[in-house]
């Protein structure tokens, strides 16, 4: 076994070393992400308009592109102490298995009941809702990690929680649904007949298995039509990347403590919360010219927004009621194949990450789900953690990069984000183990259907 006596298997920070501020990468971006637009007027959204949907403090964070560091309220820090600091793990066993000279590290975010990094933002958003005196919040969830995390946060703070869960996941992942209900959340399969937009989608697409875009539309409608409620989102928005920066800040502090500098930083990419949170402080160094890193976003081949999408303004939801965001997108009407089991199923990418990618500061690649689950199984057998399918996209890319190092003899240091555990995803693992899992890659013609629905935004914007 390699130099395990020099670097511990797990690097834990002391409680006093936990971040006290979030880092806002937009502050260091010379070219800022394009503004959110009103879906009717196509003019930049004002704080007043956004305040009808989101909590007041979250609106301020969403629109702030100049403040580099934002204080974390003590109440949130106290909650974080239940499961943070999260460990940075040296993957000695995986290195040995691959026979690579590369050093592999992963930041593990699964040490909480929600099983993922999503709790980092869930508690922050729930806290601001509670502080504003609201009764409750509404949201969407795909595979269920975000809904689980938000239900935990709302239970802790005594808030009502209404979750619209993508129908195919609601049916495939009943145990994650039941965890939400155990924490007091009301969970509705989406699209549903409980909202006007849900009924419209069902009328237009009978028998649809749903998408995050559908669920977002329903959750927003449920929030804006009820007094004392606001909508919260688990990914994509700048405010979420801000809260998730605690991942990268802890990681960088741990690496600096042992004199470790990653050459390659890898994250799975759906809407962007984990990837953005992990890379933010490192990207900040790159933007300021203080250091250089190679960043790789890994997405599913069945939902390839970065690698095959268009960089354009698009609706954030299928019902076309949310603000427009400039992002790499497949079109708001895009619905991933029903056989897609690996999460990361949102039709677009965070505007922050989209802008960084468009500037050439970040790479992207897509991978098929059978090779993702193969990598997940190999990782579980040597590292002892059953990874979430989402995380396994990053594992696949990290293993590929480590094998390249074996072929070239380069001793690179690879860091990836292990977003959580896969113990509620065993149906997908069963399909893989039974040999019934298949890959689906949308055709250019199928993607073109989504692109044709992109809104015609004036070029002057």
Protein backbone atom coordinates (compact mmCIF):
# COMPACT_ATOMS: atom_id res chain seq x y z
CA UNK A 1 0.00 0.00 0.00
CA UNK A 2 1.27 3.44 -0.93
CA UNK A 3 2.37 6.20 1.45
CA UNK A 4 -0.57 5.77 3.84
CA UNK A 5 1.63 6.59 6.80
CA UNK A 6 2.14 10.13 5.47
CA UNK A 7 -1.45 11.17 4.63
CA UNK A 8 -4.31 9.76 6.75
CA UNK A 9 -7.07 7.77 5.10
CA UNK A 10 -9.54 10.37 6.33
CA UNK A 11 -8.71 14.00 6.97
CA UNK A 12 -11.08 15.58 9.45
CA UNK A 13 -11.00 19.27 10.26
CA UNK A 14 -11.52 20.42 13.81
CA UNK A 15 -14.80 22.11 14.60
CA UNK A 16 -13.04 25.46 14.95
CA UNK A 17 -11.76 25.09 11.37
CA UNK A 18 -15.25 24.95 9.86
CA UNK A 19 -16.02 27.78 7.42
CA UNK A 20 -17.81 30.75 8.97
CA UNK A 21 -18.63 32.33 5.61
CA UNK A 22 -19.91 31.13 2.26
CA UNK A 23 -17.86 31.98 -0.83
CA UNK A 24 -19.55 33.67 -3.79
CA UNK A 25 -17.53 32.80 -6.92
CA UNK A 26 -19.47 35.38 -8.97
CA UNK A 27 -17.54 38.12 -7.15
CA UNK A 28 -14.32 37.00 -8.87
CA UNK A 29 -15.83 36.47 -12.31
CA UNK A 30 -14.90 39.32 -14.66
CA UNK A 31 -17.74 38.37 -16.98
CA UNK A 32 -20.76 37.74 -14.78
CA UNK A 33 -23.57 35.26 -15.50
CA UNK A 34 -26.43 36.81 -17.48
CA UNK A 35 -29.34 38.10 -15.36
CA UNK A 36 -32.57 36.20 -14.76
CA UNK A 37 -35.33 37.50 -17.03
CA UNK A 38 -39.05 38.00 -16.48
CA UNK A 39 -40.79 35.33 -18.61
CA UNK A 40 -43.32 37.85 -19.93
CA UNK A 41 -41.43 41.11 -20.40
CA UNK A 42 -37.95 39.58 -20.97
CA UNK A 43 -36.55 42.28 -18.69
CA UNK A 44 -34.15 41.47 -15.81
CA UNK A 45 -36.01 40.23 -12.76
CA UNK A 46 -36.21 42.71 -9.89
CA UNK A 47 -35.85 41.83 -6.22
CA UNK A 48 -39.53 42.63 -5.76
CA UNK A 49 -40.56 40.18 -8.50
CA UNK A 50 -38.29 37.41 -7.20
CA UNK A 51 -39.55 38.05 -3.66
CA UNK A 52 -42.98 36.76 -4.66
CA UNK A 53 -41.42 33.32 -5.24
CA UNK A 54 -38.31 33.16 -3.03
CA UNK A 55 -37.46 34.21 0.53
CA UNK A 56 -36.22 37.79 0.86
CA UNK A 57 -32.70 36.92 2.07
CA UNK A 58 -32.30 34.31 -0.65
CA UNK A 59 -33.26 36.92 -3.26
CA UNK A 60 -30.46 39.16 -1.98
CA UNK A 61 -27.99 36.29 -2.25
CA UNK A 62 -29.22 35.39 -5.72
CA UNK A 63 -28.69 38.91 -7.06
CA UNK A 64 -25.37 39.59 -5.30
CA UNK A 65 -22.45 39.25 -7.71
CA UNK A 66 -19.95 41.49 -5.90
CA UNK A 67 -19.70 40.26 -2.30
CA UNK A 68 -17.06 37.51 -2.15
CA UNK A 69 -17.83 36.23 1.36
CA UNK A 70 -21.20 36.10 3.10
CA UNK A 71 -21.49 35.28 6.80
CA UNK A 72 -23.13 31.99 7.77
CA UNK A 73 -25.66 32.58 10.57
CA UNK A 74 -24.68 30.92 13.84
CA UNK A 75 -27.90 28.88 13.89
CA UNK A 76 -26.92 27.29 10.58
CA UNK A 77 -23.37 26.65 11.78
CA UNK A 78 -24.78 24.92 14.87
CA UNK A 79 -26.91 22.66 12.65
CA UNK A 80 -23.91 21.89 10.43
CA UNK A 81 -22.04 20.62 13.48
CA UNK A 82 -24.33 17.57 13.54
CA UNK A 83 -22.60 16.21 10.43
CA UNK A 84 -19.81 18.59 9.49
CA UNK A 85 -16.91 18.92 8.97
CA UNK A 86 -17.22 16.15 6.36
CA UNK A 87 -14.19 13.94 5.75
CA UNK A 88 -11.73 14.24 2.89
CA UNK A 89 -10.71 10.69 2.07
CA UNK A 90 -7.55 9.41 0.39
CA UNK A 91 -8.66 6.51 -1.83
CA UNK A 92 -5.63 4.31 -1.16
CA UNK A 93 -7.51 1.10 -1.90
CA UNK A 94 -8.83 2.38 -5.22
CA UNK A 95 -5.36 3.57 -6.19
CA UNK A 96 -3.98 0.12 -5.38
CA UNK A 97 -6.73 -1.60 -7.36
CA UNK A 98 -6.11 0.56 -10.42
CA UNK A 99 -2.34 0.29 -10.13
CA UNK A 100 -2.03 4.01 -10.76
CA UNK A 101 0.65 6.45 -9.66
CA UNK A 102 -2.10 9.05 -9.28
CA UNK A 103 -3.22 10.16 -5.84
CA UNK A 104 -7.01 10.11 -5.53
CA UNK A 105 -9.03 12.03 -2.95
CA UNK A 106 -12.77 12.37 -2.49
CA UNK A 107 -14.87 14.65 -0.34
CA UNK A 108 -17.60 12.50 1.20
CA UNK A 109 -20.94 14.25 1.77
CA UNK A 110 -23.04 11.23 2.79
CA UNK A 111 -22.57 11.39 6.57
CA UNK A 112 -26.13 12.50 7.34
CA UNK A 113 -29.59 10.92 7.24
CA UNK A 114 -30.47 12.60 3.94
CA UNK A 115 -27.50 10.74 2.49
CA UNK A 116 -26.20 13.62 0.40
CA UNK A 117 -24.75 17.12 0.18
CA UNK A 118 -28.21 18.60 -0.30
CA UNK A 119 -28.67 19.24 3.42
CA UNK A 120 -26.05 22.02 3.25
CA UNK A 121 -28.45 24.26 1.33
CA UNK A 122 -31.71 22.82 2.67
CA UNK A 123 -31.03 24.01 6.21
CA UNK A 124 -29.94 27.44 4.96
CA UNK A 125 -33.05 27.96 2.84
CA UNK A 126 -35.37 26.63 5.55
CA UNK A 127 -33.68 28.90 8.10
CA UNK A 128 -34.26 32.02 6.00
CA UNK A 129 -37.89 31.00 5.46
CA UNK A 130 -38.39 30.55 9.19
CA UNK A 131 -36.66 33.85 9.94
CA UNK A 132 -39.05 35.57 7.53
CA UNK A 133 -42.00 34.19 9.48
CA UNK A 134 -43.31 31.90 6.74
CA UNK A 135 -45.56 28.89 7.33
CA UNK A 136 -43.80 26.58 4.94
CA UNK A 137 -42.05 25.95 1.64
CA UNK A 138 -42.67 24.05 -1.57
CA UNK A 139 -40.11 22.33 -3.76
CA UNK A 140 -39.45 19.67 -6.37
CA UNK A 141 -37.18 16.65 -6.19
CA UNK A 142 -35.90 14.22 -8.78
CA UNK A 143 -34.18 11.17 -7.33
CA UNK A 144 -35.21 12.39 -3.89
CA UNK A 145 -32.04 13.59 -2.17
CA UNK A 146 -33.14 17.21 -2.14
CA UNK A 147 -36.67 16.43 -0.96
CA UNK A 148 -35.25 14.25 1.81
CA UNK A 149 -32.84 16.95 2.93
CA UNK A 150 -35.47 19.68 2.88
CA UNK A 151 -37.95 17.58 4.83
CA UNK A 152 -35.28 17.10 7.53
CA UNK A 153 -34.51 20.81 7.68
CA UNK A 154 -38.18 21.78 7.82
CA UNK A 155 -38.88 19.24 10.57
CA UNK A 156 -36.01 20.68 12.60
CA UNK A 157 -37.36 24.23 12.24
CA UNK A 158 -41.08 23.42 12.44
CA UNK A 159 -41.96 24.41 8.85
CA UNK A 160 -44.54 22.84 6.56
CA UNK A 161 -42.87 21.07 3.61
CA UNK A 162 -44.57 20.21 0.31
CA UNK A 163 -42.54 18.17 -2.19
CA UNK A 164 -43.40 17.47 -5.82
CA UNK A 165 -41.41 14.37 -6.75
CA UNK A 166 -40.78 13.38 -10.38
CA UNK A 167 -43.28 10.59 -11.00
CA UNK A 168 -40.82 7.99 -12.29
CA UNK A 169 -38.63 8.47 -9.19
CA UNK A 170 -41.70 8.49 -6.90
CA UNK A 171 -42.47 5.01 -8.23
CA UNK A 172 -38.90 3.67 -8.50
CA UNK A 173 -37.64 4.99 -5.15
CA UNK A 174 -40.43 4.50 -2.59
CA UNK A 175 -38.09 4.35 0.40
CA UNK A 176 -36.70 7.82 -0.16
CA UNK A 177 -40.29 9.02 -0.46
CA UNK A 178 -41.08 7.40 2.88
CA UNK A 179 -38.13 9.08 4.57
CA UNK A 180 -39.61 12.42 3.48
CA UNK A 181 -42.99 11.46 4.87
CA UNK A 182 -41.37 10.30 8.10
CA UNK A 183 -39.98 13.79 8.50
CA UNK A 184 -43.46 15.24 7.96
CA UNK A 185 -43.34 16.26 4.31
CA UNK A 186 -46.28 15.93 1.95
CA UNK A 187 -45.01 14.18 -1.20
CA UNK A 188 -46.92 14.38 -4.49
CA UNK A 189 -45.93 12.56 -7.71
CA UNK A 190 -45.43 15.05 -10.54
CA UNK A 191 -47.04 15.90 -12.85
CA UNK A 192 -50.20 15.76 -10.75
CA UNK A 193 -53.80 16.89 -10.88
CA UNK A 194 -53.33 19.12 -7.81
CA UNK A 195 -52.12 22.14 -9.79
CA UNK A 196 -53.30 23.91 -12.92
CA UNK A 197 -49.93 23.50 -14.62
CA UNK A 198 -49.81 19.80 -13.68
CA UNK A 199 -53.18 19.18 -15.25
CA UNK A 200 -52.09 21.03 -18.40
CA UNK A 201 -48.91 18.95 -18.71
CA UNK A 202 -50.88 15.71 -18.26
CA UNK A 203 -53.32 16.82 -20.93
CA UNK A 204 -50.51 17.59 -23.37
CA UNK A 205 -48.40 14.53 -22.46
CA UNK A 206 -50.67 11.71 -21.23
CA UNK A 207 -48.79 9.01 -19.36
CA UNK A 208 -45.63 11.11 -18.99
CA UNK A 209 -43.12 9.93 -16.38
CA UNK A 210 -42.37 13.53 -15.46
CA UNK A 211 -39.28 15.69 -15.26
CA UNK A 212 -37.72 18.18 -12.87
CA UNK A 213 -39.06 20.93 -15.13
CA UNK A 214 -42.61 19.65 -14.56
CA UNK A 215 -42.13 19.35 -10.81
CA UNK A 216 -40.65 22.86 -10.56
CA UNK A 217 -43.69 24.32 -12.31
CA UNK A 218 -46.04 22.64 -9.85
CA UNK A 219 -44.00 23.63 -6.80
CA UNK A 220 -43.84 27.27 -7.89
CA UNK A 221 -47.58 27.40 -8.51
CA UNK A 222 -48.25 25.83 -5.10
CA UNK A 223 -46.07 28.47 -3.44
CA UNK A 224 -47.37 31.61 -5.15
CA UNK A 225 -51.04 30.66 -4.70
CA UNK A 226 -50.80 30.17 -0.92
CA UNK A 227 -50.21 32.83 1.72
CA UNK A 228 -47.15 32.31 3.89
CA UNK A 229 -45.31 30.00 1.48
CA UNK A 230 -42.26 30.38 -0.74
CA UNK A 231 -40.56 28.13 -3.24
CA UNK A 232 -37.07 26.73 -2.59
CA UNK A 233 -34.77 24.97 -5.05
CA UNK A 234 -32.07 22.33 -4.51
CA UNK A 235 -29.75 23.19 -7.37
CA UNK A 236 -29.13 25.48 -10.37
CA UNK A 237 -29.56 28.87 -8.67
CA UNK A 238 -26.61 30.98 -7.51
CA UNK A 239 -27.87 30.97 -3.92
CA UNK A 240 -27.62 27.16 -3.83
CA UNK A 241 -24.05 27.15 -5.16
CA UNK A 242 -23.27 29.74 -2.50
CA UNK A 243 -24.45 27.48 0.34
CA UNK A 244 -22.75 24.45 -1.18
CA UNK A 245 -19.42 26.31 -1.26
CA UNK A 246 -18.93 24.95 2.24
CA UNK A 247 -17.92 21.68 0.51
CA UNK A 248 -15.07 23.27 -1.41
CA UNK A 249 -14.02 25.53 1.46
CA UNK A 250 -13.66 22.56 3.82
CA UNK A 251 -11.87 20.57 1.13
CA UNK A 252 -9.37 23.32 0.41
CA UNK A 253 -8.68 23.90 4.11
CA UNK A 254 -8.01 20.16 4.61
CA UNK A 255 -5.75 19.97 1.57
CA UNK A 256 -3.84 23.11 2.53
CA UNK A 257 -3.34 21.62 5.99
CA UNK A 258 -1.38 18.73 4.48
CA UNK A 259 0.23 20.61 1.59
CA UNK A 260 -1.89 18.86 -1.05
CA UNK A 261 -2.69 20.59 -4.35
CA UNK A 262 -5.10 18.87 -6.74
CA UNK A 263 -4.32 18.88 -10.45
CA UNK A 264 -7.77 17.70 -11.53
CA UNK A 265 -11.08 18.41 -9.76
CA UNK A 266 -14.10 16.37 -10.87
CA UNK A 267 -17.77 16.61 -10.02
CA UNK A 268 -21.02 15.13 -11.27
CA UNK A 269 -23.20 17.69 -13.02
CA UNK A 270 -26.98 17.87 -13.09
CA UNK A 271 -28.12 21.34 -12.10
CA UNK A 272 -24.74 22.23 -10.62
CA UNK A 273 -25.08 22.31 -6.82
CA UNK A 274 -22.41 19.74 -5.94
CA UNK A 275 -20.01 20.63 -8.74
CA UNK A 276 -20.32 24.34 -8.09
CA UNK A 277 -19.92 23.90 -4.36
CA UNK A 278 -16.83 21.73 -4.70
CA UNK A 279 -14.95 23.81 -7.25
CA UNK A 280 -15.90 27.35 -6.14
CA UNK A 281 -12.89 28.26 -3.94
CA UNK A 282 -10.48 26.55 -6.33
CA UNK A 283 -12.09 28.30 -9.30
CA UNK A 284 -11.77 31.56 -7.38
CA UNK A 285 -8.01 31.04 -7.22
CA UNK A 286 -7.95 30.36 -10.96
CA UNK A 287 -10.02 33.44 -11.73
CA UNK A 288 -7.70 35.59 -9.60
CA UNK A 289 -4.59 34.13 -11.26
CA UNK A 290 -3.31 32.60 -8.02
CA UNK A 291 -3.34 28.94 -9.10
CA UNK A 292 -4.42 26.71 -11.96
CA UNK A 293 -6.57 23.60 -11.90
CA UNK A 294 -8.30 21.40 -14.44
CA UNK A 295 -12.04 21.14 -13.76
CA UNK A 296 -14.19 18.36 -15.23
CA UNK A 297 -18.00 18.27 -15.13
CA UNK A 298 -19.46 14.79 -15.69
CA UNK A 299 -23.05 14.40 -16.84
CA UNK A 300 -25.25 11.51 -18.03
CA UNK A 301 -25.30 10.78 -21.76
CA UNK A 302 -29.09 10.60 -21.51
CA UNK A 303 -29.35 14.20 -20.26
CA UNK A 304 -26.32 15.99 -21.77
CA UNK A 305 -26.98 19.69 -21.21
CA UNK A 306 -23.34 20.83 -21.27
CA UNK A 307 -21.96 18.52 -23.94
CA UNK A 308 -24.89 18.68 -26.38
CA UNK A 309 -27.06 21.54 -25.19
CA UNK A 310 -27.29 25.13 -26.41
CA UNK A 311 -26.12 28.16 -24.46
CA UNK A 312 -29.25 30.26 -24.51
CA UNK A 313 -31.98 31.78 -22.40
CA UNK A 314 -34.54 29.15 -21.47
CA UNK A 315 -37.35 28.56 -19.03
CA UNK A 316 -36.27 26.88 -15.82
CA UNK A 317 -39.47 24.82 -15.82
CA UNK A 318 -41.74 22.94 -18.22
CA UNK A 319 -44.76 25.10 -17.41
CA UNK A 320 -42.83 28.24 -18.45
CA UNK A 321 -43.82 30.22 -15.35
CA UNK A 322 -40.34 30.59 -13.79
CA UNK A 323 -37.74 33.23 -14.70
CA UNK A 324 -35.65 32.68 -17.80
CA UNK A 325 -32.03 31.76 -17.20
CA UNK A 326 -29.15 31.82 -19.66
CA UNK A 327 -27.66 28.37 -19.43
CA UNK A 328 -26.61 25.32 -21.35
CA UNK A 329 -29.97 23.68 -21.91
CA UNK A 330 -31.78 20.90 -23.75
CA UNK A 331 -35.04 22.84 -23.72
CA UNK A 332 -37.52 23.13 -20.88
CA UNK A 333 -39.75 20.44 -22.39
CA UNK A 334 -36.98 17.82 -22.44
CA UNK A 335 -37.92 14.71 -20.47
CA UNK A 336 -35.19 12.08 -19.89
CA UNK A 337 -35.89 8.49 -20.89
CA UNK A 338 -37.81 6.52 -18.27
CA UNK A 339 -34.92 4.02 -18.05
CA UNK A 340 -32.61 6.78 -16.80
CA UNK A 341 -31.76 5.78 -13.22
CA UNK A 342 -28.69 7.83 -12.43
CA UNK A 343 -30.21 11.16 -11.37
CA UNK A 344 -28.78 14.41 -12.79
CA UNK A 345 -31.93 14.73 -14.89
CA UNK A 346 -32.44 18.51 -15.06
CA UNK A 347 -32.69 19.98 -18.58
CA UNK A 348 -30.28 22.86 -17.91
CA UNK A 349 -27.14 23.81 -16.02
CA UNK A 350 -26.47 26.52 -13.45
CA UNK A 351 -25.93 29.93 -15.07
CA UNK A 352 -22.70 30.32 -13.09
CA UNK A 353 -21.26 27.03 -14.29
CA UNK A 354 -22.60 27.59 -17.80
CA UNK A 355 -20.74 30.89 -18.01
CA UNK A 356 -17.52 29.36 -16.65
CA UNK A 357 -17.83 26.52 -19.15
CA UNK A 358 -18.53 28.91 -22.01
CA UNK A 359 -15.37 30.83 -21.10
CA UNK A 360 -13.34 27.62 -21.38
CA UNK A 361 -12.52 27.51 -17.68
CA UNK A 362 -14.08 24.07 -17.24
CA UNK A 363 -14.38 20.85 -19.27
CA UNK A 364 -17.40 18.58 -19.62
CA UNK A 365 -17.95 14.98 -20.63
CA UNK A 366 -20.94 12.64 -20.71
CA UNK A 367 -21.03 8.97 -19.75
CA UNK A 368 -23.53 6.14 -20.19
CA UNK A 369 -25.32 4.76 -17.16
CA UNK A 370 -24.13 1.14 -17.45
CA UNK A 371 -20.49 2.26 -17.31
CA UNK A 372 -21.40 4.56 -14.42
CA UNK A 373 -22.85 1.67 -12.41
CA UNK A 374 -19.87 -0.51 -13.30
CA UNK A 375 -17.58 2.14 -11.80
CA UNK A 376 -19.88 2.44 -8.77
CA UNK A 377 -19.69 -1.29 -8.11
CA UNK A 378 -15.90 -1.35 -8.45
CA UNK A 379 -15.62 1.61 -6.07
CA UNK A 380 -17.95 0.00 -3.50
CA UNK A 381 -15.94 -3.21 -3.50
CA UNK A 382 -12.63 -1.51 -2.72
CA UNK A 383 -13.58 1.65 -0.81
CA UNK A 384 -16.47 0.24 1.26
CA UNK A 385 -19.07 2.90 0.38
CA UNK A 386 -22.03 2.22 -1.87
CA UNK A 387 -22.08 5.49 -3.84
CA UNK A 388 -25.09 7.38 -5.11
CA UNK A 389 -25.55 6.97 -8.88
CA UNK A 390 -25.01 10.71 -9.28
CA UNK A 391 -21.66 10.55 -7.49
CA UNK A 392 -20.68 7.58 -9.61
CA UNK A 393 -20.46 9.77 -12.70
CA UNK A 394 -17.56 11.55 -10.98
CA UNK A 395 -16.10 8.22 -9.83
CA UNK A 396 -16.09 6.99 -13.43
CA UNK A 397 -14.22 10.06 -14.66
CA UNK A 398 -11.76 9.96 -11.74
CA UNK A 399 -10.98 6.31 -12.48
CA UNK A 400 -10.49 7.12 -16.17
CA UNK A 401 -8.06 9.91 -15.32
CA UNK A 402 -6.18 7.66 -12.89
CA UNK A 403 -5.83 4.98 -15.58
CA UNK A 404 -4.44 7.60 -17.97
CA UNK A 405 -1.83 8.39 -15.31
CA UNK A 406 -0.95 4.71 -15.20
CA UNK A 407 -0.44 4.71 -18.96
CA UNK A 408 1.66 7.90 -18.98
CA UNK A 409 3.41 7.48 -15.64
CA UNK A 410 2.25 10.91 -14.45
CA UNK A 411 1.70 11.29 -10.68
CA UNK A 412 -1.26 13.63 -10.75
CA UNK A 413 -3.48 14.41 -7.78
CA UNK A 414 -7.17 13.87 -8.49
CA UNK A 415 -10.01 15.21 -6.34
CA UNK A 416 -13.67 14.32 -6.83
CA UNK A 417 -16.92 14.89 -5.00
CA UNK A 418 -18.70 11.88 -3.51
CA UNK A 419 -22.08 13.54 -3.12
CA UNK A 420 -23.72 10.80 -1.09
CA UNK A 421 -24.71 7.18 -0.63
CA UNK A 422 -26.79 4.93 -2.87
CA UNK A 423 -28.69 2.85 -0.33
CA UNK A 424 -32.03 4.18 -1.60
CA UNK A 425 -31.03 3.45 -5.19
CA UNK A 426 -30.89 -0.33 -4.91
CA UNK A 427 -33.57 -0.86 -7.57
CA UNK A 428 -31.18 0.66 -10.08
CA UNK A 429 -28.32 -1.45 -8.74
CA UNK A 430 -30.60 -4.50 -9.05
CA UNK A 431 -31.24 -3.69 -12.70
CA UNK A 432 -27.53 -3.35 -13.31
CA UNK A 433 -26.68 -6.60 -11.51
CA UNK A 434 -29.45 -8.45 -13.39
CA UNK A 435 -28.15 -7.19 -16.71
CA UNK A 436 -31.43 -5.45 -17.51
CA UNK A 437 -30.05 -1.91 -17.34
CA UNK A 438 -29.73 -0.26 -20.73
CA UNK A 439 -28.21 2.96 -22.03
CA UNK A 440 -30.21 5.58 -23.83
CA UNK A 441 -28.66 8.44 -25.76
CA UNK A 442 -31.10 10.96 -27.28
CA UNK A 443 -30.79 11.48 -31.03
CA UNK A 444 -30.00 14.85 -32.56
CA UNK A 445 -33.59 14.93 -33.84
CA UNK A 446 -34.97 14.38 -30.33
CA UNK A 447 -32.79 17.15 -28.95
CA UNK A 448 -33.80 19.47 -31.77
CA UNK A 449 -37.43 19.21 -30.64
CA UNK A 450 -36.39 20.71 -27.31
CA UNK A 451 -34.28 23.42 -28.93
CA UNK A 452 -37.20 24.51 -31.08
CA UNK A 453 -39.11 25.43 -27.93
CA UNK A 454 -36.44 27.88 -26.72
CA UNK A 455 -37.94 31.33 -26.17
CA UNK A 456 -37.18 34.10 -28.66
CA UNK A 457 -35.35 36.54 -26.42
CA UNK A 458 -34.38 39.93 -27.90
CA UNK A 459 -30.72 39.99 -28.92
CA UNK A 460 -30.13 43.22 -26.99
CA UNK A 461 -30.46 41.36 -23.67
